Amino acid sequence: MTLIALWKPYGYVSRFTPDGGHAGLAELVRARGVYPIGRLDHDSEGLLLLGDDGALAHRLSEPGRGHPRVYWVQVEGVPDTAALRALERGVTVQGRRTRPARAQLLREAPPLPERPVPIRFRKRVPTAWLELELREGRNRQVRRMTAAVGHPTLRLVRVAIGPLRLLELGLSPGAWRRLTADEERALRDEERALRDEERALRDEERALRQERAERGSSTKASSASRPRAKSRGSSKSESTSAQPSSSAPRSYR
């Protein structure tokens, strides 16, 4: 099995062939039989994994699997506490609420190389850097989240996937290398732990549903076993029907 870490630069798509006028990964990665695990948009940068393990790739890239991903995000303006809490609680993106996240304001710009294409600069509008940790991956989610709280994204760099930290991998933009045995083991161990956690949560939810169903069945059975009291109208009707009708013909000997 092969697992590769790449610092995807700005302007490249997360596929080997060019797309939409943007260069593909074939210009950067000289390895056969590997495919991107997840994606970064052409205008996003940072850590991208590639590999040949289809099952692992599916588990790591599935949007709802809960794998932590950390981003450094340069935004317009300086988000206040309310904006940060909104990002953490979840905001509505394309009609769906995002999962709880971790958001914090960085005190200074992170140690990143300059982008080849400078960000949009407005003299009277300050910028700030955020660190966001998400446990889901939807299309352009980070950009839509910051826009939802009034701070459009200017630059987006993914700096961690699970236990792998971009700046600890010794890479520069456009560079790649195979993961070491220890790095791969750490990634697989975390994926396995998250899978076990999800399984435990599903078992707990199943047990709760079964308990509710059994409680509901018990309540219905108890209600059915109680004798029903006859209503007055019912007794009177039965009594009346038992008496001979005055209009019935009488028999005389």
C-alpha atoms as a PDB file:
ATOM      1  CA  MET A   1       0.000   0.000   0.000  1.00  0.00           C
ATOM      2  CA  THR A   2       1.190   3.498  -0.843  1.00  0.00           C
ATOM      3  CA  LEU A   3       0.184   6.703   0.944  1.00  0.00           C
ATOM      4  CA  ILE A   4       1.534  10.061  -0.191  1.00  0.00           C
ATOM      5  CA  ALA A   5       1.348  13.529   1.359  1.00  0.00           C
ATOM      6  CA  LEU A   6       1.334  16.472  -1.044  1.00  0.00           C
ATOM      7  CA  TRP A   7       1.365  20.199  -0.379  1.00  0.00           C
ATOM      8  CA  LYS A   8      -1.074  21.142  -3.113  1.00  0.00           C
ATOM      9  CA  PRO A   9      -0.254  24.615  -4.380  1.00  0.00           C
ATOM     10  CA  TYR A  10      -2.694  27.294  -5.419  1.00  0.00           C
ATOM     11  CA  GLY A  11      -4.058  26.896  -8.951  1.00  0.00           C
ATOM     12  CA  TYR A  12      -4.016  23.084  -9.210  1.00  0.00           C
ATOM     13  CA  VAL A  13      -7.083  20.847  -9.263  1.00  0.00           C
ATOM     14  CA  SER A  14      -7.287  17.682  -7.134  1.00  0.00           C
ATOM     15  CA  ARG A  15      -7.071  15.329 -10.105  1.00  0.00           C
ATOM     16  CA  PHE A  16      -4.250  14.228 -12.365  1.00  0.00           C
ATOM     17  CA  THR A  17      -5.626  15.738 -15.563  1.00  0.00           C
ATOM     18  CA  PRO A  18      -6.162  19.479 -16.133  1.00  0.00           C
ATOM     19  CA  ASP A  19      -9.663  20.834 -15.647  1.00  0.00           C
ATOM     20  CA  GLY A  20     -11.265  24.193 -16.309  1.00  0.00           C
ATOM     21  CA  GLY A  21      -7.992  25.754 -17.380  1.00  0.00           C
ATOM     22  CA  HIS A  22      -6.207  24.665 -14.194  1.00  0.00           C
ATOM     23  CA  ALA A  23      -3.228  22.332 -14.064  1.00  0.00           C
ATOM     24  CA  GLY A  24      -3.541  18.767 -12.785  1.00  0.00           C
ATOM     25  CA  LEU A  25      -1.533  16.819 -10.231  1.00  0.00           C
ATOM     26  CA  ALA A  26       0.371  14.907 -12.942  1.00  0.00           C
ATOM     27  CA  GLU A  27       2.646  17.955 -13.180  1.00  0.00           C
ATOM     28  CA  LEU A  28       3.603  17.513  -9.529  1.00  0.00           C
ATOM     29  CA  VAL A  29       3.367  13.839  -8.506  1.00  0.00           C
ATOM     30  CA  ARG A  30       5.441  11.206 -10.308  1.00  0.00           C
ATOM     31  CA  ALA A  31       3.874   8.097  -8.798  1.00  0.00           C
ATOM     32  CA  ARG A  32       1.809   5.436 -10.497  1.00  0.00           C
ATOM     33  CA  GLY A  33      -1.424   3.875  -9.288  1.00  0.00           C
ATOM     34  CA  VAL A  34      -2.326   6.468  -6.675  1.00  0.00           C
ATOM     35  CA  TYR A  35      -5.388   8.709  -6.551  1.00  0.00           C
ATOM     36  CA  PRO A  36      -6.377  11.774  -4.514  1.00  0.00           C
ATOM     37  CA  ILE A  37      -8.065  11.022  -1.184  1.00  0.00           C
ATOM     38  CA  GLY A  38     -10.569  13.832  -0.820  1.00  0.00           C
ATOM     39  CA  ARG A  39     -10.115  17.119  -2.611  1.00  0.00           C
ATOM     40  CA  LEU A  40      -9.048  20.722  -2.388  1.00  0.00           C
ATOM     41  CA  ASP A  41     -10.439  23.296  -4.810  1.00  0.00           C
ATOM     42  CA  HIS A  42      -8.051  24.911  -7.292  1.00  0.00           C
ATOM     43  CA  ASP A  43      -7.979  28.109  -5.209  1.00  0.00           C
ATOM     44  CA  SER A  44      -7.238  26.237  -1.957  1.00  0.00           C
ATOM     45  CA  GLU A  45      -3.848  25.018  -0.791  1.00  0.00           C
ATOM     46  CA  GLY A  46      -2.318  22.607   1.655  1.00  0.00           C
ATOM     47  CA  LEU A  47      -2.292  18.978   2.671  1.00  0.00           C
ATOM     48  CA  LEU A  48      -3.721  16.493   0.196  1.00  0.00           C
ATOM     49  CA  LEU A  49      -3.328  12.735   0.579  1.00  0.00           C
ATOM     50  CA  LEU A  50      -2.992  10.308  -2.311  1.00  0.00           C
ATOM     51  CA  GLY A  51      -3.022   6.536  -2.137  1.00  0.00           C
ATOM     52  CA  ASP A  52      -3.913   3.187  -3.663  1.00  0.00           C
ATOM     53  CA  ASP A  53      -5.980   1.779  -0.784  1.00  0.00           C
ATOM     54  CA  GLY A  54      -9.556   2.202  -2.019  1.00  0.00           C
ATOM     55  CA  ALA A  55     -11.231   1.223   1.264  1.00  0.00           C
ATOM     56  CA  LEU A  56      -9.134   3.645   3.311  1.00  0.00           C
ATOM     57  CA  ALA A  57      -9.647   6.390   0.740  1.00  0.00           C
ATOM     58  CA  HIS A  58     -13.423   5.929   0.957  1.00  0.00           C
ATOM     59  CA  ARG A  59     -13.428   6.098   4.746  1.00  0.00           C
ATOM     60  CA  LEU A  60     -11.169   9.153   4.887  1.00  0.00           C
ATOM     61  CA  SER A  61     -12.965  11.123   2.184  1.00  0.00           C
ATOM     62  CA  GLU A  62     -16.595  10.312   3.021  1.00  0.00           C
ATOM     63  CA  PRO A  63     -18.113  13.690   4.051  1.00  0.00           C
ATOM     64  CA  GLY A  64     -19.899  12.521   7.193  1.00  0.00           C
ATOM     65  CA  ARG A  65     -17.311  10.187   8.707  1.00  0.00           C
ATOM     66  CA  GLY A  66     -16.081  12.721  11.285  1.00  0.00           C
ATOM     67  CA  HIS A  67     -12.370  12.798  10.429  1.00  0.00           C
ATOM     68  CA  PRO A  68     -10.843  16.019  11.811  1.00  0.00           C
ATOM     69  CA  ARG A  69      -9.421  18.440   9.258  1.00  0.00           C
ATOM     70  CA  VAL A  70      -7.754  21.697  10.269  1.00  0.00           C
ATOM     71  CA  TYR A  71      -7.612  24.827   8.103  1.00  0.00           C
ATOM     72  CA  TRP A  72      -5.911  28.185   8.360  1.00  0.00           C
ATOM     73  CA  VAL A  73      -8.235  30.728   6.813  1.00  0.00           C
ATOM     74  CA  GLN A  74      -7.507  34.351   5.994  1.00  0.00           C
ATOM     75  CA  VAL A  75     -10.730  36.355   6.000  1.00  0.00           C
ATOM     76  CA  GLU A  76     -11.904  39.894   5.380  1.00  0.00           C
ATOM     77  CA  GLY A  77     -12.423  41.854   8.576  1.00  0.00           C
ATOM     78  CA  VAL A  78     -11.815  40.638  12.124  1.00  0.00           C
ATOM     79  CA  PRO A  79     -14.454  38.184  13.394  1.00  0.00           C
ATOM     80  CA  ASP A  80     -15.795  38.945  16.864  1.00  0.00           C
ATOM     81  CA  THR A  81     -16.731  36.439  19.545  1.00  0.00           C
ATOM     82  CA  ALA A  82     -20.283  36.103  18.228  1.00  0.00           C
ATOM     83  CA  ALA A  83     -19.024  35.175  14.740  1.00  0.00           C
ATOM     84  CA  LEU A  84     -16.608  32.593  16.164  1.00  0.00           C
ATOM     85  CA  ARG A  85     -19.322  31.026  18.327  1.00  0.00           C
ATOM     86  CA  ALA A  86     -21.646  30.877  15.322  1.00  0.00           C
ATOM     87  CA  LEU A  87     -18.986  28.991  13.351  1.00  0.00           C
ATOM     88  CA  GLU A  88     -18.579  26.584  16.248  1.00  0.00           C
ATOM     89  CA  ARG A  89     -22.294  25.965  16.772  1.00  0.00           C
ATOM     90  CA  GLY A  90     -22.959  25.583  13.058  1.00  0.00           C
ATOM     91  CA  VAL A  91     -24.305  27.844  10.320  1.00  0.00           C
ATOM     92  CA  THR A  92     -26.767  27.160   7.537  1.00  0.00           C
ATOM     93  CA  VAL A  93     -25.038  26.343   4.252  1.00  0.00           C
ATOM     94  CA  GLN A  94     -27.176  25.533   1.208  1.00  0.00           C
ATOM     95  CA  GLY A  95     -30.176  24.785   3.399  1.00  0.00           C
ATOM     96  CA  ARG A  96     -28.336  22.485   5.823  1.00  0.00           C
ATOM     97  CA  ARG A  97     -26.744  23.282   9.153  1.00  0.00           C
ATOM     98  CA  THR A  98     -23.041  22.514   9.482  1.00  0.00           C
ATOM     99  CA  ARG A  99     -21.815  20.236  12.235  1.00  0.00           C
ATOM    100  CA  PRO A 100     -20.265  21.697  15.394  1.00  0.00           C
ATOM    101  CA  ALA A 101     -16.688  22.834  14.735  1.00  0.00           C
ATOM    102  CA  ARG A 102     -13.762  24.448  16.530  1.00  0.00           C
ATOM    103  CA  ALA A 103     -12.920  28.048  15.609  1.00  0.00           C
ATOM    104  CA  GLN A 104     -10.324  30.403  16.997  1.00  0.00           C
ATOM    105  CA  LEU A 105      -8.755  33.708  15.994  1.00  0.00           C
ATOM    106  CA  LEU A 106      -4.987  33.510  15.454  1.00  0.00           C
ATOM    107  CA  ARG A 107      -3.022  36.296  17.070  1.00  0.00           C
ATOM    108  CA  GLU A 108      -0.661  36.604  14.126  1.00  0.00           C
ATOM    109  CA  ALA A 109      -0.343  35.381  10.573  1.00  0.00           C
ATOM    110  CA  PRO A 110       0.782  31.718  10.422  1.00  0.00           C
ATOM    111  CA  PRO A 111       4.190  30.817   8.965  1.00  0.00           C
ATOM    112  CA  LEU A 112       3.147  30.196   5.367  1.00  0.00           C
ATOM    113  CA  PRO A 113       4.965  31.056   2.138  1.00  0.00           C
ATOM    114  CA  GLU A 114       3.506  33.809  -0.003  1.00  0.00           C
ATOM    115  CA  ARG A 115       0.880  32.744  -2.489  1.00  0.00           C
ATOM    116  CA  PRO A 116       1.923  33.112  -6.147  1.00  0.00           C
ATOM    117  CA  VAL A 117      -1.310  34.995  -6.839  1.00  0.00           C
ATOM    118  CA  PRO A 118      -1.779  37.686  -4.159  1.00  0.00           C
ATOM    119  CA  ILE A 119      -5.058  37.860  -2.261  1.00  0.00           C
ATOM    120  CA  ARG A 120      -7.578  40.605  -2.959  1.00  0.00           C
ATOM    121  CA  PHE A 121      -6.415  43.637  -0.972  1.00  0.00           C
ATOM    122  CA  ARG A 122      -8.563  46.531   0.172  1.00  0.00           C
ATOM    123  CA  LYS A 123      -6.748  49.302   1.971  1.00  0.00           C
ATOM    124  CA  ARG A 124      -9.555  50.143   4.395  1.00  0.00           C
ATOM    125  CA  VAL A 125     -10.568  46.569   5.197  1.00  0.00           C
ATOM    126  CA  PRO A 126      -8.335  44.662   7.658  1.00  0.00           C
ATOM    127  CA  THR A 127      -7.833  40.913   7.421  1.00  0.00           C
ATOM    128  CA  ALA A 128      -7.474  38.199  10.044  1.00  0.00           C
ATOM    129  CA  TRP A 129      -6.459  34.537  10.259  1.00  0.00           C
ATOM    130  CA  LEU A 130      -8.653  31.834  11.743  1.00  0.00           C
ATOM    131  CA  GLU A 131      -7.998  28.215  12.618  1.00  0.00           C
ATOM    132  CA  LEU A 132     -11.007  26.017  11.870  1.00  0.00           C
ATOM    133  CA  GLU A 133     -11.325  22.334  12.685  1.00  0.00           C
ATOM    134  CA  LEU A 134     -14.139  20.564  10.864  1.00  0.00           C
ATOM    135  CA  ARG A 135     -15.398  16.999  11.072  1.00  0.00           C
ATOM    136  CA  GLU A 136     -17.236  16.970   7.783  1.00  0.00           C
ATOM    137  CA  GLY A 137     -16.337  17.864   4.227  1.00  0.00           C
ATOM    138  CA  ARG A 138     -18.850  19.539   1.950  1.00  0.00           C
ATOM    139  CA  ASN A 139     -18.226  21.402  -1.278  1.00  0.00           C
ATOM    140  CA  ARG A 140     -16.518  24.757  -0.529  1.00  0.00           C
ATOM    141  CA  GLN A 141     -17.748  24.459   3.029  1.00  0.00           C
ATOM    142  CA  VAL A 142     -15.151  26.659   4.738  1.00  0.00           C
ATOM    143  CA  ARG A 143     -15.693  29.511   2.292  1.00  0.00           C
ATOM    144  CA  ARG A 144     -19.445  29.304   2.672  1.00  0.00           C
ATOM    145  CA  MET A 145     -19.207  29.166   6.468  1.00  0.00           C
ATOM    146  CA  THR A 146     -17.066  32.297   6.790  1.00  0.00           C
ATOM    147  CA  ALA A 147     -19.254  34.121   4.278  1.00  0.00           C
ATOM    148  CA  ALA A 148     -22.321  33.187   6.355  1.00  0.00           C
ATOM    149  CA  VAL A 149     -20.904  35.085   9.348  1.00  0.00           C
ATOM    150  CA  GLY A 150     -19.921  38.109   7.248  1.00  0.00           C
ATOM    151  CA  HIS A 151     -16.214  37.386   6.653  1.00  0.00           C
ATOM    152  CA  PRO A 152     -15.435  36.161   3.126  1.00  0.00           C
ATOM    153  CA  THR A 153     -12.449  33.853   2.751  1.00  0.00           C
ATOM    154  CA  LEU A 154      -9.390  35.320   1.025  1.00  0.00           C
ATOM    155  CA  ARG A 155      -6.966  32.428   1.435  1.00  0.00           C
ATOM    156  CA  LEU A 156      -7.526  28.825   2.545  1.00  0.00           C
ATOM    157  CA  VAL A 157      -4.831  26.335   3.552  1.00  0.00           C
ATOM    158  CA  ARG A 158      -5.506  22.848   4.935  1.00  0.00           C
ATOM    159  CA  VAL A 159      -2.840  22.211   7.556  1.00  0.00           C
ATOM    160  CA  ALA A 160      -3.897  18.886   9.103  1.00  0.00           C
ATOM    161  CA  ILE A 161      -5.750  15.669   8.373  1.00  0.00           C
ATOM    162  CA  GLY A 162      -6.128  13.625  11.537  1.00  0.00           C
ATOM    163  CA  PRO A 163      -2.671  13.231  13.135  1.00  0.00           C
ATOM    164  CA  LEU A 164      -0.784  14.512  10.066  1.00  0.00           C
ATOM    165  CA  ARG A 165       0.330  18.159  10.310  1.00  0.00           C
ATOM    166  CA  LEU A 166       1.444  19.891   7.135  1.00  0.00           C
ATOM    167  CA  LEU A 167       4.306  21.871   8.663  1.00  0.00           C
ATOM    168  CA  GLU A 168       5.673  18.758  10.379  1.00  0.00           C
ATOM    169  CA  LEU A 169       5.948  16.822   7.108  1.00  0.00           C
ATOM    170  CA  GLY A 170       8.873  18.849   5.790  1.00  0.00           C
ATOM    171  CA  LEU A 171       7.091  19.839   2.582  1.00  0.00           C
ATOM    172  CA  SER A 172       6.942  23.020   0.543  1.00  0.00           C
ATOM    173  CA  PRO A 173       4.232  23.976  -1.991  1.00  0.00           C
ATOM    174  CA  GLY A 174       4.242  21.456  -4.834  1.00  0.00           C
ATOM    175  CA  ALA A 175       6.418  18.927  -2.961  1.00  0.00           C
ATOM    176  CA  TRP A 176       5.336  15.412  -1.975  1.00  0.00           C
ATOM    177  CA  ARG A 177       6.667  12.328  -0.224  1.00  0.00           C
ATOM    178  CA  ARG A 178       5.518   8.911   0.928  1.00  0.00           C
ATOM    179  CA  LEU A 179       4.323   8.632   4.508  1.00  0.00           C
ATOM    180  CA  THR A 180       6.599   6.795   6.901  1.00  0.00           C
ATOM    181  CA  ALA A 181       5.421   3.578   8.542  1.00  0.00           C
ATOM    182  CA  ASP A 182       4.764   5.466  11.788  1.00  0.00           C
ATOM    183  CA  GLU A 183       2.767   8.203  10.047  1.00  0.00           C
ATOM    184  CA  GLU A 184       0.671   5.682   8.154  1.00  0.00           C
ATOM    185  CA  ARG A 185       0.070   3.672  11.340  1.00  0.00           C
ATOM    186  CA  ALA A 186      -1.058   6.808  13.206  1.00  0.00           C
ATOM    187  CA  LEU A 187      -3.478   7.678  10.407  1.00  0.00           C
ATOM    188  CA  ARG A 188      -4.944   4.179  10.272  1.00  0.00           C
ATOM    189  CA  ASP A 189      -5.171   3.928  14.070  1.00  0.00           C
ATOM    190  CA  GLU A 190      -7.151   7.161  14.267  1.00  0.00           C
ATOM    191  CA  GLU A 191      -9.425   6.068  11.431  1.00  0.00           C
ATOM    192  CA  ARG A 192     -10.036   2.758  13.218  1.00  0.00           C
ATOM    193  CA  ALA A 193     -10.756   4.529  16.518  1.00  0.00           C
ATOM    194  CA  LEU A 194     -13.282   6.816  14.829  1.00  0.00           C
ATOM    195  CA  ARG A 195     -14.907   3.810  13.176  1.00  0.00           C
ATOM    196  CA  ASP A 196     -15.225   2.061  16.553  1.00  0.00           C
ATOM    197  CA  GLU A 197     -16.680   5.235  18.065  1.00  0.00           C
ATOM    198  CA  GLU A 198     -19.266   5.487  15.275  1.00  0.00           C
ATOM    199  CA  ARG A 199     -20.175   1.821  15.735  1.00  0.00           C
ATOM    200  CA  ALA A 200     -20.626   2.323  19.485  1.00  0.00           C
ATOM    201  CA  LEU A 201     -22.853   5.350  18.859  1.00  0.00           C
ATOM    202  CA  ARG A 202     -24.968   3.399  16.369  1.00  0.00           C
ATOM    203  CA  ASP A 203     -25.335   0.520  18.856  1.00  0.00           C
ATOM    204  CA  GLU A 204     -26.356   2.970  21.580  1.00  0.00           C
ATOM    205  CA  GLU A 205     -28.933   4.621  19.309  1.00  0.00           C
ATOM    206  CA  ARG A 206     -30.278   1.208  18.296  1.00  0.00           C
ATOM    207  CA  ALA A 207     -30.603   0.167  21.950  1.00  0.00           C
ATOM    208  CA  LEU A 208     -32.453   3.394  22.775  1.00  0.00           C
ATOM    209  CA  ARG A 209     -34.876   2.901  19.880  1.00  0.00           C
ATOM    210  CA  GLN A 210     -35.510  -0.689  20.958  1.00  0.00           C
ATOM    211  CA  GLU A 211     -36.081   0.399  24.557  1.00  0.00           C
ATOM    212  CA  ARG A 212     -38.599   3.033  23.447  1.00  0.00           C
ATOM    213  CA  ALA A 213     -40.375   0.516  21.229  1.00  0.00           C
ATOM    214  CA  GLU A 214     -40.593  -2.044  24.040  1.00  0.00           C
ATOM    215  CA  ARG A 215     -41.860   0.616  26.456  1.00  0.00           C
ATOM    216  CA  GLY A 216     -44.528   1.633  23.954  1.00  0.00           C
ATOM    217  CA  SER A 217     -45.605  -1.992  23.406  1.00  0.00           C
ATOM    218  CA  SER A 218     -45.810  -2.570  27.157  1.00  0.00           C
ATOM    219  CA  THR A 219     -47.997   0.499  27.616  1.00  0.00           C
ATOM    220  CA  LYS A 220     -50.360  -0.601  24.843  1.00  0.00           C
ATOM    221  CA  ALA A 221     -50.614  -4.133  26.278  1.00  0.00           C
ATOM    222  CA  SER A 222     -51.376  -2.778  29.735  1.00  0.00           C
ATOM    223  CA  SER A 223     -54.134  -0.560  28.351  1.00  0.00           C
ATOM    224  CA  ALA A 224     -55.670  -3.437  26.389  1.00  0.00           C
ATOM    225  CA  SER A 225     -55.793  -5.727  29.438  1.00  0.00           C
ATOM    226  CA  ARG A 226     -57.917  -3.334  31.531  1.00  0.00           C
ATOM    227  CA  PRO A 227     -61.752  -4.049  31.453  1.00  0.00           C
ATOM    228  CA  ARG A 228     -63.687  -1.320  29.748  1.00  0.00           C
ATOM    229  CA  ALA A 229     -66.465   0.360  31.770  1.00  0.00           C
ATOM    230  CA  LYS A 230     -69.885   0.343  30.081  1.00  0.00           C
ATOM    231  CA  SER A 231     -71.339   3.710  29.374  1.00  0.00           C
ATOM    232  CA  ARG A 232     -74.794   4.636  30.720  1.00  0.00           C
ATOM    233  CA  GLY A 233     -76.191   4.947  27.227  1.00  0.00           C
ATOM    234  CA  SER A 234     -75.018   1.470  26.432  1.00  0.00           C
ATOM    235  CA  SER A 235     -76.666  -0.079  29.574  1.00  0.00           C
ATOM    236  CA  LYS A 236     -79.908   1.702  28.982  1.00  0.00           C
ATOM    237  CA  SER A 237     -80.009   0.576  25.393  1.00  0.00           C
ATOM    238  CA  GLU A 238     -79.362  -3.040  26.366  1.00  0.00           C
ATOM    239  CA  SER A 239     -82.020  -2.905  29.104  1.00  0.00           C
ATOM    240  CA  THR A 240     -84.575  -1.425  26.770  1.00  0.00           C
ATOM    241  CA  SER A 241     -83.897  -3.957  24.062  1.00  0.00           C
ATOM    242  CA  ALA A 242     -84.445  -6.798  26.549  1.00  0.00           C
ATOM    243  CA  GLN A 243     -88.033  -5.656  27.318  1.00  0.00           C
ATOM    244  CA  PRO A 244     -90.874  -6.666  24.950  1.00  0.00           C
ATOM    245  CA  SER A 245     -92.028  -3.937  22.718  1.00  0.00           C
ATOM    246  CA  SER A 246     -95.517  -2.538  23.529  1.00  0.00           C
ATOM    247  CA  SER A 247     -96.369  -2.536  19.867  1.00  0.00           C
ATOM    248  CA  ALA A 248     -95.649  -6.239  19.408  1.00  0.00           C
ATOM    249  CA  PRO A 249     -98.774  -8.422  18.805  1.00  0.00           C
ATOM    250  CA  ARG A 250     -99.987 -10.311  21.922  1.00  0.00           C
ATOM    251  CA  SER A 251    -101.046 -13.915  21.890  1.00  0.00           C
ATOM    252  CA  TYR A 252    -104.429 -14.887  23.546  1.00  0.00           C
ATOM    253  CA  ARG A 253    -105.646 -18.287  24.253  1.00  0.00           C
END
